């Protein structure tokens, strides 16, 4: 949620709720992006291969969804900063809100159902 202060033009955001974090992590492609960023920053977009996300969909469909849905959603939430022109993805100003959950899940991936990340 974004709150505009009437006294100034500064935007203040509440911390993400657990539901917000689970929504962001509900798609494999977004889990992969955030997990990769937890391991390295900055990350060049070309280093993401469609094979990293799923093998059941057409690559063109995956790349279209990546560019039109998943990257904008993560960028809008502030978890990443995405520069389409330079094809650069880096940690966003709110990445620290999702990183502990990613770390927890990654550290316990042997206990999770198939599909992580």
PDB file of N, CA and C in Angstrom:
ATOM      1  N   UNK A   1       0.845  -1.169   0.000  1.00  0.00           N
ATOM      2  CA  UNK A   1       0.000   0.000   0.000  1.00  0.00           C
ATOM      3  C   UNK A   1       0.891   1.233   0.000  1.00  0.00           C
ATOM      4  N   UNK A   2       0.553   2.203  -0.807  1.00  0.00           N
ATOM      5  CA  UNK A   2       1.286   3.456  -0.873  1.00  0.00           C
ATOM      6  C   UNK A   2       0.453   4.540  -0.215  1.00  0.00           C
ATOM      7  N   UNK A   3       1.089   5.312   0.650  1.00  0.00           N
ATOM      8  CA  UNK A   3       0.404   6.400   1.347  1.00  0.00           C
ATOM      9  C   UNK A   3       1.096   7.703   0.996  1.00  0.00           C
ATOM     10  N   UNK A   4       0.343   8.649   0.501  1.00  0.00           N
ATOM     11  CA  UNK A   4       0.890   9.963   0.184  1.00  0.00           C
ATOM     12  C   UNK A   4       0.671  10.873   1.381  1.00  0.00           C
ATOM     13  N   UNK A   5       1.730  11.500   1.835  1.00  0.00           N
ATOM     14  CA  UNK A   5       1.622  12.415   2.955  1.00  0.00           C
ATOM     15  C   UNK A   5       1.076  13.754   2.466  1.00  0.00           C
ATOM     16  N   UNK A   6       0.081  14.304   3.132  1.00  0.00           N
ATOM     17  CA  UNK A   6      -0.472  15.577   2.679  1.00  0.00           C
ATOM     18  C   UNK A   6       0.505  16.732   2.870  1.00  0.00           C
ATOM     19  N   UNK A   7       1.499  16.581   3.761  1.00  0.00           N
ATOM     20  CA  UNK A   7       2.430  17.685   4.035  1.00  0.00           C
ATOM     21  C   UNK A   7       3.556  17.785   3.027  1.00  0.00           C
ATOM     22  N   UNK A   8       3.894  16.662   2.411  1.00  0.00           N
ATOM     23  CA  UNK A   8       4.958  16.711   1.416  1.00  0.00           C
ATOM     24  C   UNK A   8       4.653  15.686   0.329  1.00  0.00           C
ATOM     25  N   UNK A   9       5.489  15.655  -0.675  1.00  0.00           N
ATOM     26  CA  UNK A   9       5.257  14.739  -1.786  1.00  0.00           C
ATOM     27  C   UNK A   9       5.969  13.406  -1.578  1.00  0.00           C
ATOM     28  N   UNK A  10       6.522  13.181  -0.415  1.00  0.00           N
ATOM     29  CA  UNK A  10       7.215  11.932  -0.135  1.00  0.00           C
ATOM     30  C   UNK A  10       6.223  10.786  -0.055  1.00  0.00           C
ATOM     31  N   UNK A  11       6.584   9.661  -0.653  1.00  0.00           N
ATOM     32  CA  UNK A  11       5.732   8.487  -0.617  1.00  0.00           C
ATOM     33  C   UNK A  11       6.240   7.564   0.477  1.00  0.00           C
ATOM     34  N   UNK A  12       5.336   7.132   1.344  1.00  0.00           N
ATOM     35  CA  UNK A  12       5.676   6.200   2.410  1.00  0.00           C
ATOM     36  C   UNK A  12       4.940   4.893   2.150  1.00  0.00           C
ATOM     37  N   UNK A  13       5.637   3.796   2.268  1.00  0.00           N
ATOM     38  CA  UNK A  13       5.008   2.497   2.075  1.00  0.00           C
ATOM     39  C   UNK A  13       5.047   1.721   3.373  1.00  0.00           C
ATOM     40  N   UNK A  14       3.951   1.048   3.631  1.00  0.00           N
ATOM     41  CA  UNK A  14       3.934   0.132   4.756  1.00  0.00           C
ATOM     42  C   UNK A  14       4.767  -1.087   4.372  1.00  0.00           C
ATOM     43  N   UNK A  15       5.274  -1.782   5.376  1.00  0.00           N
ATOM     44  CA  UNK A  15       5.997  -3.018   5.100  1.00  0.00           C
ATOM     45  C   UNK A  15       5.053  -4.020   4.461  1.00  0.00           C
ATOM     46  N   UNK A  16       5.614  -4.873   3.641  1.00  0.00           N
ATOM     47  CA  UNK A  16       4.822  -5.906   2.987  1.00  0.00           C
ATOM     48  C   UNK A  16       4.259  -6.857   4.038  1.00  0.00           C
ATOM     49  N   UNK A  17       3.031  -7.280   3.830  1.00  0.00           N
ATOM     50  CA  UNK A  17       2.433  -8.263   4.722  1.00  0.00           C
ATOM     51  C   UNK A  17       2.885  -9.652   4.281  1.00  0.00           C
ATOM     52  N   UNK A  18       2.655 -10.631   5.124  1.00  0.00           N
ATOM     53  CA  UNK A  18       2.985 -12.006   4.765  1.00  0.00           C
ATOM     54  C   UNK A  18       2.202 -12.427   3.526  1.00  0.00           C
ATOM     55  N   UNK A  19       0.954 -11.988   3.421  1.00  0.00           N
ATOM     56  CA  UNK A  19       0.154 -12.288   2.226  1.00  0.00           C
ATOM     57  C   UNK A  19       0.791 -11.670   0.977  1.00  0.00           C
ATOM     58  N   UNK A  20       1.303 -10.443   1.090  1.00  0.00           N
ATOM     59  CA  UNK A  20       1.980  -9.794  -0.032  1.00  0.00           C
ATOM     60  C   UNK A  20       3.190 -10.612  -0.471  1.00  0.00           C
ATOM     61  N   UNK A  21       3.968 -11.067   0.508  1.00  0.00           N
ATOM     62  CA  UNK A  21       5.178 -11.831   0.195  1.00  0.00           C
ATOM     63  C   UNK A  21       4.842 -13.166  -0.450  1.00  0.00           C
ATOM     64  N   UNK A  22       3.815 -13.845   0.087  1.00  0.00           N
ATOM     65  CA  UNK A  22       3.412 -15.118  -0.507  1.00  0.00           C
ATOM     66  C   UNK A  22       2.854 -14.919  -1.912  1.00  0.00           C
ATOM     67  N   UNK A  23       2.165 -13.815  -2.146  1.00  0.00           N
ATOM     68  CA  UNK A  23       1.662 -13.516  -3.491  1.00  0.00           C
ATOM     69  C   UNK A  23       2.840 -13.348  -4.461  1.00  0.00           C
ATOM     70  N   UNK A  24       3.847 -12.607  -4.045  1.00  0.00           N
ATOM     71  CA  UNK A  24       5.020 -12.401  -4.896  1.00  0.00           C
ATOM     72  C   UNK A  24       5.732 -13.721  -5.160  1.00  0.00           C
ATOM     73  N   UNK A  25       5.801 -14.577  -4.156  1.00  0.00           N
ATOM     74  CA  UNK A  25       6.507 -15.848  -4.286  1.00  0.00           C
ATOM     75  C   UNK A  25       5.624 -16.960  -4.859  1.00  0.00           C
ATOM     76  N   UNK A  26       4.396 -16.649  -5.229  1.00  0.00           N
ATOM     77  CA  UNK A  26       3.479 -17.680  -5.707  1.00  0.00           C
ATOM     78  C   UNK A  26       3.797 -18.168  -7.115  1.00  0.00           C
ATOM     79  N   UNK A  27       4.593 -17.449  -7.853  1.00  0.00           N
ATOM     80  CA  UNK A  27       4.933 -17.831  -9.226  1.00  0.00           C
ATOM     81  C   UNK A  27       6.402 -18.245  -9.305  1.00  0.00           C
ATOM     82  N   UNK A  28       6.682 -19.390  -9.936  1.00  0.00           N
ATOM     83  CA  UNK A  28       8.072 -19.878 -10.019  1.00  0.00           C
ATOM     84  C   UNK A  28       9.042 -18.873 -10.625  1.00  0.00           C
ATOM     85  N   UNK A  29       8.608 -18.150 -11.640  1.00  0.00           N
ATOM     86  CA  UNK A  29       9.500 -17.203 -12.302  1.00  0.00           C
ATOM     87  C   UNK A  29       9.943 -16.100 -11.332  1.00  0.00           C
ATOM     88  N   UNK A  30       9.030 -15.636 -10.497  1.00  0.00           N
ATOM     89  CA  UNK A  30       9.383 -14.586  -9.530  1.00  0.00           C
ATOM     90  C   UNK A  30      10.252 -15.153  -8.412  1.00  0.00           C
ATOM     91  N   UNK A  31       9.986 -16.389  -7.994  1.00  0.00           N
ATOM     92  CA  UNK A  31      10.848 -17.026  -6.985  1.00  0.00           C
ATOM     93  C   UNK A  31      12.268 -17.139  -7.502  1.00  0.00           C
ATOM     94  N   UNK A  32      12.415 -17.532  -8.760  1.00  0.00           N
ATOM     95  CA  UNK A  32      13.757 -17.657  -9.342  1.00  0.00           C
ATOM     96  C   UNK A  32      14.480 -16.318  -9.382  1.00  0.00           C
ATOM     97  N   UNK A  33      13.799 -15.292  -9.821  1.00  0.00           N
ATOM     98  CA  UNK A  33      14.412 -13.959  -9.906  1.00  0.00           C
ATOM     99  C   UNK A  33      14.876 -13.502  -8.527  1.00  0.00           C
ATOM    100  N   UNK A  34      14.003 -13.598  -7.535  1.00  0.00           N
ATOM    101  CA  UNK A  34      14.353 -13.132  -6.189  1.00  0.00           C
ATOM    102  C   UNK A  34      15.432 -13.999  -5.553  1.00  0.00           C
ATOM    103  N   UNK A  35      15.396 -15.302  -5.820  1.00  0.00           N
ATOM    104  CA  UNK A  35      16.428 -16.187  -5.285  1.00  0.00           C
ATOM    105  C   UNK A  35      17.776 -15.865  -5.912  1.00  0.00           C
ATOM    106  N   UNK A  36      17.790 -15.617  -7.215  1.00  0.00           N
ATOM    107  CA  UNK A  36      19.040 -15.252  -7.886  1.00  0.00           C
ATOM    108  C   UNK A  36      19.587 -13.937  -7.348  1.00  0.00           C
ATOM    109  N   UNK A  37      18.698 -12.977  -7.086  1.00  0.00           N
ATOM    110  CA  UNK A  37      19.152 -11.701  -6.536  1.00  0.00           C
ATOM    111  C   UNK A  37      19.638 -11.838  -5.099  1.00  0.00           C
ATOM    112  N   UNK A  38      19.102 -12.802  -4.373  1.00  0.00           N
ATOM    113  CA  UNK A  38      19.587 -13.022  -3.007  1.00  0.00           C
ATOM    114  C   UNK A  38      21.015 -13.535  -3.034  1.00  0.00           C
ATOM    115  N   UNK A  39      21.373 -14.228  -4.125  1.00  0.00           N
ATOM    116  CA  UNK A  39      22.721 -14.777  -4.268  1.00  0.00           C
ATOM    117  C   UNK A  39      23.707 -13.800  -4.884  1.00  0.00           C
ATOM    118  N   UNK A  40      23.243 -12.913  -5.765  1.00  0.00           N
ATOM    119  CA  UNK A  40      24.134 -11.991  -6.465  1.00  0.00           C
ATOM    120  C   UNK A  40      23.379 -10.732  -6.844  1.00  0.00           C
ATOM    121  N   UNK A  41      24.084  -9.611  -6.817  1.00  0.00           N
ATOM    122  CA  UNK A  41      23.502  -8.335  -7.184  1.00  0.00           C
ATOM    123  C   UNK A  41      24.606  -7.454  -7.755  1.00  0.00           C
ATOM    124  N   UNK A  42      24.489  -6.774  -8.863  1.00  0.00           N
ATOM    125  CA  UNK A  42      23.350  -6.767  -9.757  1.00  0.00           C
ATOM    126  C   UNK A  42      23.294  -8.034 -10.605  1.00  0.00           C
ATOM    127  N   UNK A  43      22.171  -8.242 -11.213  1.00  0.00           N
ATOM    128  CA  UNK A  43      21.953  -9.397 -12.074  1.00  0.00           C
ATOM    129  C   UNK A  43      21.552  -8.869 -13.439  1.00  0.00           C
ATOM    130  N   UNK A  44      22.255  -9.287 -14.488  1.00  0.00           N
ATOM    131  CA  UNK A  44      21.866  -8.900 -15.842  1.00  0.00           C
ATOM    132  C   UNK A  44      20.733  -9.799 -16.300  1.00  0.00           C
ATOM    133  N   UNK A  45      19.717  -9.201 -16.837  1.00  0.00           N
ATOM    134  CA  UNK A  45      18.540  -9.948 -17.273  1.00  0.00           C
ATOM    135  C   UNK A  45      18.874 -11.075 -18.242  1.00  0.00           C
ATOM    136  N   UNK A  46      19.801 -10.890 -19.223  1.00  0.00           N
ATOM    137  CA  UNK A  46      20.074 -11.991 -20.138  1.00  0.00           C
ATOM    138  C   UNK A  46      20.572 -13.262 -19.446  1.00  0.00           C
ATOM    139  N   UNK A  47      21.045 -13.153 -18.220  1.00  0.00           N
ATOM    140  CA  UNK A  47      21.501 -14.348 -17.542  1.00  0.00           C
ATOM    141  C   UNK A  47      20.336 -15.208 -17.064  1.00  0.00           C
ATOM    142  N   UNK A  48      19.111 -14.679 -17.136  1.00  0.00           N
ATOM    143  CA  UNK A  48      17.936 -15.483 -16.825  1.00  0.00           C
ATOM    144  C   UNK A  48      17.531 -16.221 -18.089  1.00  0.00           C
ATOM    145  N   UNK A  49      17.535 -17.507 -18.012  1.00  0.00           N
ATOM    146  CA  UNK A  49      17.125 -18.324 -19.142  1.00  0.00           C
ATOM    147  C   UNK A  49      15.711 -18.823 -18.907  1.00  0.00           C
ATOM    148  N   UNK A  50      14.894 -18.870 -19.941  1.00  0.00           N
ATOM    149  CA  UNK A  50      13.554 -19.424 -19.753  1.00  0.00           C
ATOM    150  C   UNK A  50      13.578 -20.824 -19.147  1.00  0.00           C
ATOM    151  N   UNK A  51      14.612 -21.589 -19.415  1.00  0.00           N
ATOM    152  CA  UNK A  51      14.715 -22.927 -18.831  1.00  0.00           C
ATOM    153  C   UNK A  51      14.828 -22.872 -17.314  1.00  0.00           C
ATOM    154  N   UNK A  52      15.289 -21.732 -16.770  1.00  0.00           N
ATOM    155  CA  UNK A  52      15.383 -21.577 -15.320  1.00  0.00           C
ATOM    156  C   UNK A  52      14.009 -21.528 -14.663  1.00  0.00           C
ATOM    157  N   UNK A  53      12.993 -21.208 -15.428  1.00  0.00           N
ATOM    158  CA  UNK A  53      11.693 -20.959 -14.847  1.00  0.00           C
ATOM    159  C   UNK A  53      10.716 -22.112 -15.026  1.00  0.00           C
ATOM    160  N   UNK A  54      10.694 -22.702 -16.189  1.00  0.00           N
ATOM    161  CA  UNK A  54       9.784 -23.830 -16.418  1.00  0.00           C
ATOM    162  C   UNK A  54      10.128 -24.491 -17.737  1.00  0.00           C
ATOM    163  N   UNK A  55       9.828 -25.738 -17.841  1.00  0.00           N
ATOM    164  CA  UNK A  55      10.062 -26.438 -19.103  1.00  0.00           C
ATOM    165  C   UNK A  55       8.751 -26.815 -19.776  1.00  0.00           C
ATOM    166  N   UNK A  56       7.634 -26.401 -19.216  1.00  0.00           N
ATOM    167  CA  UNK A  56       6.339 -26.814 -19.740  1.00  0.00           C
ATOM    168  C   UNK A  56       5.677 -25.789 -20.648  1.00  0.00           C
ATOM    169  N   UNK A  57       6.220 -24.580 -20.725  1.00  0.00           N
ATOM    170  CA  UNK A  57       5.613 -23.545 -21.556  1.00  0.00           C
ATOM    171  C   UNK A  57       6.562 -23.162 -22.679  1.00  0.00           C
ATOM    172  N   UNK A  58       6.007 -22.570 -23.698  1.00  0.00           N
ATOM    173  CA  UNK A  58       6.830 -22.065 -24.796  1.00  0.00           C
ATOM    174  C   UNK A  58       7.710 -20.918 -24.302  1.00  0.00           C
ATOM    175  N   UNK A  59       8.945 -20.877 -24.762  1.00  0.00           N
ATOM    176  CA  UNK A  59       9.875 -19.832 -24.321  1.00  0.00           C
ATOM    177  C   UNK A  59       9.349 -18.427 -24.605  1.00  0.00           C
ATOM    178  N   UNK A  60       8.729 -18.234 -25.754  1.00  0.00           N
ATOM    179  CA  UNK A  60       8.216 -16.907 -26.092  1.00  0.00           C
ATOM    180  C   UNK A  60       7.167 -16.468 -25.081  1.00  0.00           C
ATOM    181  N   UNK A  61       6.321 -17.406 -24.676  1.00  0.00           N
ATOM    182  CA  UNK A  61       5.299 -17.092 -23.678  1.00  0.00           C
ATOM    183  C   UNK A  61       5.934 -16.713 -22.347  1.00  0.00           C
ATOM    184  N   UNK A  62       6.974 -17.431 -21.978  1.00  0.00           N
ATOM    185  CA  UNK A  62       7.662 -17.163 -20.711  1.00  0.00           C
ATOM    186  C   UNK A  62       8.307 -15.782 -20.749  1.00  0.00           C
ATOM    187  N   UNK A  63       8.998 -15.481 -21.839  1.00  0.00           N
ATOM    188  CA  UNK A  63       9.657 -14.188 -21.937  1.00  0.00           C
ATOM    189  C   UNK A  63       8.638 -13.055 -21.972  1.00  0.00           C
ATOM    190  N   UNK A  64       7.516 -13.251 -22.649  1.00  0.00           N
ATOM    191  CA  UNK A  64       6.474 -12.217 -22.678  1.00  0.00           C
ATOM    192  C   UNK A  64       5.927 -11.995 -21.276  1.00  0.00           C
ATOM    193  N   UNK A  65       5.641 -13.070 -20.555  1.00  0.00           N
ATOM    194  CA  UNK A  65       5.128 -12.935 -19.188  1.00  0.00           C
ATOM    195  C   UNK A  65       6.167 -12.288 -18.284  1.00  0.00           C
ATOM    196  N   UNK A  66       7.427 -12.647 -18.471  1.00  0.00           N
ATOM    197  CA  UNK A  66       8.502 -12.053 -17.688  1.00  0.00           C
ATOM    198  C   UNK A  66       8.531 -10.538 -17.871  1.00  0.00           C
ATOM    199  N   UNK A  67       8.477 -10.090 -19.117  1.00  0.00           N
ATOM    200  CA  UNK A  67       8.591  -8.655 -19.410  1.00  0.00           C
ATOM    201  C   UNK A  67       7.319  -7.868 -19.157  1.00  0.00           C
ATOM    202  N   UNK A  68       6.170  -8.499 -19.316  1.00  0.00           N
ATOM    203  CA  UNK A  68       4.914  -7.756 -19.201  1.00  0.00           C
ATOM    204  C   UNK A  68       4.206  -7.934 -17.867  1.00  0.00           C
ATOM    205  N   UNK A  69       4.577  -8.955 -17.117  1.00  0.00           N
ATOM    206  CA  UNK A  69       3.871  -9.208 -15.864  1.00  0.00           C
ATOM    207  C   UNK A  69       4.813  -9.288 -14.670  1.00  0.00           C
ATOM    208  N   UNK A  70       5.722 -10.254 -14.692  1.00  0.00           N
ATOM    209  CA  UNK A  70       6.489 -10.559 -13.492  1.00  0.00           C
ATOM    210  C   UNK A  70       7.522  -9.490 -13.118  1.00  0.00           C
ATOM    211  N   UNK A  71       8.319  -9.041 -14.081  1.00  0.00           N
ATOM    212  CA  UNK A  71       9.294  -7.988 -13.758  1.00  0.00           C
ATOM    213  C   UNK A  71       8.607  -6.683 -13.353  1.00  0.00           C
ATOM    214  N   UNK A  72       7.564  -6.239 -14.072  1.00  0.00           N
ATOM    215  CA  UNK A  72       6.872  -5.033 -13.617  1.00  0.00           C
ATOM    216  C   UNK A  72       6.250  -5.184 -12.226  1.00  0.00           C
ATOM    217  N   UNK A  73       5.698  -6.364 -11.918  1.00  0.00           N
ATOM    218  CA  UNK A  73       5.084  -6.583 -10.604  1.00  0.00           C
ATOM    219  C   UNK A  73       6.132  -6.481  -9.502  1.00  0.00           C
ATOM    220  N   UNK A  74       7.281  -7.104  -9.689  1.00  0.00           N
ATOM    221  CA  UNK A  74       8.351  -7.041  -8.691  1.00  0.00           C
ATOM    222  C   UNK A  74       8.915  -5.632  -8.571  1.00  0.00           C
ATOM    223  N   UNK A  75       9.019  -4.942  -9.706  1.00  0.00           N
ATOM    224  CA  UNK A  75       9.532  -3.572  -9.710  1.00  0.00           C
ATOM    225  C   UNK A  75       8.548  -2.631  -9.012  1.00  0.00           C
ATOM    226  N   UNK A  76       7.270  -2.754  -9.329  1.00  0.00           N
ATOM    227  CA  UNK A  76       6.251  -1.906  -8.697  1.00  0.00           C
ATOM    228  C   UNK A  76       6.209  -2.104  -7.183  1.00  0.00           C
ATOM    229  N   UNK A  77       6.444  -3.338  -6.742  1.00  0.00           N
ATOM    230  CA  UNK A  77       6.436  -3.633  -5.306  1.00  0.00           C
ATOM    231  C   UNK A  77       7.702  -3.137  -4.619  1.00  0.00           C
ATOM    232  N   UNK A  78       8.721  -2.779  -5.408  1.00  0.00           N
ATOM    233  CA  UNK A  78       9.968  -2.291  -4.830  1.00  0.00           C
ATOM    234  C   UNK A  78      10.942  -3.393  -4.445  1.00  0.00           C
ATOM    235  N   UNK A  79      10.644  -4.651  -4.813  1.00  0.00           N
ATOM    236  CA  UNK A  79      11.551  -5.749  -4.479  1.00  0.00           C
ATOM    237  C   UNK A  79      12.727  -5.820  -5.438  1.00  0.00           C
ATOM    238  N   UNK A  80      12.533  -5.322  -6.661  1.00  0.00           N
ATOM    239  CA  UNK A  80      13.624  -5.225  -7.626  1.00  0.00           C
ATOM    240  C   UNK A  80      13.588  -3.842  -8.244  1.00  0.00           C
ATOM    241  N   UNK A  81      14.688  -3.492  -8.893  1.00  0.00           N
ATOM    242  CA  UNK A  81      14.716  -2.344  -9.787  1.00  0.00           C
ATOM    243  C   UNK A  81      15.061  -2.910 -11.149  1.00  0.00           C
ATOM    244  N   UNK A  82      14.175  -2.694 -12.082  1.00  0.00           N
ATOM    245  CA  UNK A  82      14.313  -3.243 -13.421  1.00  0.00           C
ATOM    246  C   UNK A  82      14.462  -2.119 -14.413  1.00  0.00           C
ATOM    247  N   UNK A  83      15.522  -2.171 -15.180  1.00  0.00           N
ATOM    248  CA  UNK A  83      15.779  -1.185 -16.233  1.00  0.00           C
ATOM    249  C   UNK A  83      15.660  -1.897 -17.573  1.00  0.00           C
ATOM    250  N   UNK A  84      14.484  -1.823 -18.211  1.00  0.00           N
ATOM    251  CA  UNK A  84      14.288  -2.548 -19.472  1.00  0.00           C
ATOM    252  C   UNK A  84      15.269  -2.154 -20.566  1.00  0.00           C
ATOM    253  N   UNK A  85      15.644  -0.876 -20.615  1.00  0.00           N
ATOM    254  CA  UNK A  85      16.553  -0.431 -21.677  1.00  0.00           C
ATOM    255  C   UNK A  85      17.940  -1.044 -21.539  1.00  0.00           C
ATOM    256  N   UNK A  86      18.455  -1.089 -20.319  1.00  0.00           N
ATOM    257  CA  UNK A  86      19.788  -1.662 -20.111  1.00  0.00           C
ATOM    258  C   UNK A  86      19.723  -3.145 -19.766  1.00  0.00           C
ATOM    259  N   UNK A  87      18.493  -3.669 -19.624  1.00  0.00           N
ATOM    260  CA  UNK A  87      18.262  -5.075 -19.284  1.00  0.00           C
ATOM    261  C   UNK A  87      18.959  -5.461 -17.982  1.00  0.00           C
ATOM    262  N   UNK A  88      18.816  -4.575 -16.999  1.00  0.00           N
ATOM    263  CA  UNK A  88      19.451  -4.781 -15.705  1.00  0.00           C
ATOM    264  C   UNK A  88      18.396  -4.957 -14.628  1.00  0.00           C
ATOM    265  N   UNK A  89      18.613  -5.963 -13.792  1.00  0.00           N
ATOM    266  CA  UNK A  89      17.749  -6.213 -12.645  1.00  0.00           C
ATOM    267  C   UNK A  89      18.627  -6.188 -11.404  1.00  0.00           C
ATOM    268  N   UNK A  90      18.279  -5.330 -10.460  1.00  0.00           N
ATOM    269  CA  UNK A  90      19.020  -5.250  -9.208  1.00  0.00           C
ATOM    270  C   UNK A  90      18.041  -5.301  -8.046  1.00  0.00           C
ATOM    271  N   UNK A  91      18.571  -5.443  -6.870  1.00  0.00           N
ATOM    272  CA  UNK A  91      17.727  -5.423  -5.676  1.00  0.00           C
ATOM    273  C   UNK A  91      17.060  -4.061  -5.556  1.00  0.00           C
ATOM    274  N   UNK A  92      15.784  -4.095  -5.217  1.00  0.00           N
ATOM    275  CA  UNK A  92      15.034  -2.861  -5.041  1.00  0.00           C
ATOM    276  C   UNK A  92      15.119  -2.373  -3.608  1.00  0.00           C
ATOM    277  N   UNK A  93      14.553  -1.206  -3.340  1.00  0.00           N
ATOM    278  CA  UNK A  93      14.624  -0.615  -2.002  1.00  0.00           C
ATOM    279  C   UNK A  93      13.893  -1.432  -0.935  1.00  0.00           C
ATOM    280  N   UNK A  94      13.000  -2.332  -1.346  1.00  0.00           N
ATOM    281  CA  UNK A  94      12.256  -3.152  -0.387  1.00  0.00           C
ATOM    282  C   UNK A  94      12.683  -4.626  -0.421  1.00  0.00           C
ATOM    283  N   UNK A  95      13.807  -4.909  -1.083  1.00  0.00           N
ATOM    284  CA  UNK A  95      14.267  -6.291  -1.183  1.00  0.00           C
ATOM    285  C   UNK A  95      14.484  -6.911   0.196  1.00  0.00           C
ATOM    286  N   UNK A  96      14.929  -6.098   1.146  1.00  0.00           N
ATOM    287  CA  UNK A  96      15.192  -6.613   2.500  1.00  0.00           C
ATOM    288  C   UNK A  96      13.942  -7.163   3.175  1.00  0.00           C
ATOM    289  N   UNK A  97      12.752  -6.795   2.681  1.00  0.00           N
ATOM    290  CA  UNK A  97      11.509  -7.312   3.253  1.00  0.00           C
ATOM    291  C   UNK A  97      11.230  -8.751   2.814  1.00  0.00           C
ATOM    292  N   UNK A  98      11.655  -9.124   1.630  1.00  0.00           N
ATOM    293  CA  UNK A  98      11.403 -10.462   1.102  1.00  0.00           C
ATOM    294  C   UNK A  98      12.610 -11.387   1.300  1.00  0.00           C
ATOM    295  N   UNK A  99      13.785 -10.827   1.460  1.00  0.00           N
ATOM    296  CA  UNK A  99      15.008 -11.641   1.553  1.00  0.00           C
ATOM    297  C   UNK A  99      14.986 -12.653   2.703  1.00  0.00           C
ATOM    298  N   UNK A 100      14.518 -12.310   3.917  1.00  0.00           N
ATOM    299  CA  UNK A 100      14.510 -13.325   4.985  1.00  0.00           C
ATOM    300  C   UNK A 100      13.654 -14.551   4.643  1.00  0.00           C
ATOM    301  N   UNK A 101      12.534 -14.334   3.972  1.00  0.00           N
ATOM    302  CA  UNK A 101      11.681 -15.455   3.590  1.00  0.00           C
ATOM    303  C   UNK A 101      12.356 -16.299   2.508  1.00  0.00           C
ATOM    304  N   UNK A 102      13.013 -15.659   1.557  1.00  0.00           N
ATOM    305  CA  UNK A 102      13.740 -16.383   0.524  1.00  0.00           C
ATOM    306  C   UNK A 102      14.854 -17.212   1.154  1.00  0.00           C
ATOM    307  N   UNK A 103      15.588 -16.605   2.080  1.00  0.00           N
ATOM    308  CA  UNK A 103      16.670 -17.315   2.763  1.00  0.00           C
ATOM    309  C   UNK A 103      16.132 -18.506   3.541  1.00  0.00           C
ATOM    310  N   UNK A 104      15.044 -18.323   4.260  1.00  0.00           N
ATOM    311  CA  UNK A 104      14.425 -19.412   5.018  1.00  0.00           C
ATOM    312  C   UNK A 104      14.029 -20.564   4.104  1.00  0.00           C
ATOM    313  N   UNK A 105      13.383 -20.235   3.005  1.00  0.00           N
ATOM    314  CA  UNK A 105      12.939 -21.268   2.077  1.00  0.00           C
ATOM    315  C   UNK A 105      14.123 -21.952   1.387  1.00  0.00           C
ATOM    316  N   UNK A 106      15.122 -21.179   0.993  1.00  0.00           N
ATOM    317  CA  UNK A 106      16.300 -21.752   0.346  1.00  0.00           C
ATOM    318  C   UNK A 106      17.058 -22.660   1.308  1.00  0.00           C
ATOM    319  N   UNK A 107      17.215 -22.235   2.547  1.00  0.00           N
ATOM    320  CA  UNK A 107      17.923 -23.044   3.543  1.00  0.00           C
ATOM    321  C   UNK A 107      17.201 -24.346   3.857  1.00  0.00           C
ATOM    322  N   UNK A 108      15.904 -24.393   3.591  1.00  0.00           N
ATOM    323  CA  UNK A 108      15.100 -25.576   3.900  1.00  0.00           C
ATOM    324  C   UNK A 108      14.479 -26.201   2.656  1.00  0.00           C
ATOM    325  N   UNK A 109      15.100 -25.993   1.506  1.00  0.00           N
ATOM    326  CA  UNK A 109      14.503 -26.456   0.256  1.00  0.00           C
ATOM    327  C   UNK A 109      14.352 -27.971   0.173  1.00  0.00           C
ATOM    328  N   UNK A 110      15.164 -28.725   0.905  1.00  0.00           N
ATOM    329  CA  UNK A 110      15.019 -30.180   0.908  1.00  0.00           C
ATOM    330  C   UNK A 110      13.723 -30.620   1.583  1.00  0.00           C
ATOM    331  N   UNK A 111      13.161 -29.753   2.404  1.00  0.00           N
ATOM    332  CA  UNK A 111      11.924 -30.061   3.113  1.00  0.00           C
ATOM    333  C   UNK A 111      10.676 -29.573   2.378  1.00  0.00           C
ATOM    334  N   UNK A 112      10.883 -28.802   1.312  1.00  0.00           N
ATOM    335  CA  UNK A 112       9.774 -28.198   0.572  1.00  0.00           C
ATOM    336  C   UNK A 112       9.283 -29.113  -0.537  1.00  0.00           C
ATOM    337  N   UNK A 113       8.035 -28.940  -0.965  1.00  0.00           N
ATOM    338  CA  UNK A 113       7.543 -29.690  -2.125  1.00  0.00           C
ATOM    339  C   UNK A 113       8.353 -29.317  -3.361  1.00  0.00           C
ATOM    340  N   UNK A 114       8.278 -30.139  -4.355  1.00  0.00           N
ATOM    341  CA  UNK A 114       8.975 -29.858  -5.620  1.00  0.00           C
ATOM    342  C   UNK A 114       8.523 -28.501  -6.139  1.00  0.00           C
ATOM    343  N   UNK A 115       9.424 -27.815  -6.814  1.00  0.00           N
ATOM    344  CA  UNK A 115       9.068 -26.545  -7.400  1.00  0.00           C
ATOM    345  C   UNK A 115       9.748 -25.347  -6.762  1.00  0.00           C
ATOM    346  N   UNK A 116      10.620 -25.555  -5.790  1.00  0.00           N
ATOM    347  CA  UNK A 116      11.363 -24.424  -5.235  1.00  0.00           C
ATOM    348  C   UNK A 116      12.710 -24.396  -5.913  1.00  0.00           C
ATOM    349  N   UNK A 117      13.214 -23.295  -6.350  1.00  0.00           N
ATOM    350  CA  UNK A 117      12.511 -22.031  -6.386  1.00  0.00           C
ATOM    351  C   UNK A 117      11.578 -22.073  -7.486  1.00  0.00           C
TER     352      UNK A 117
END
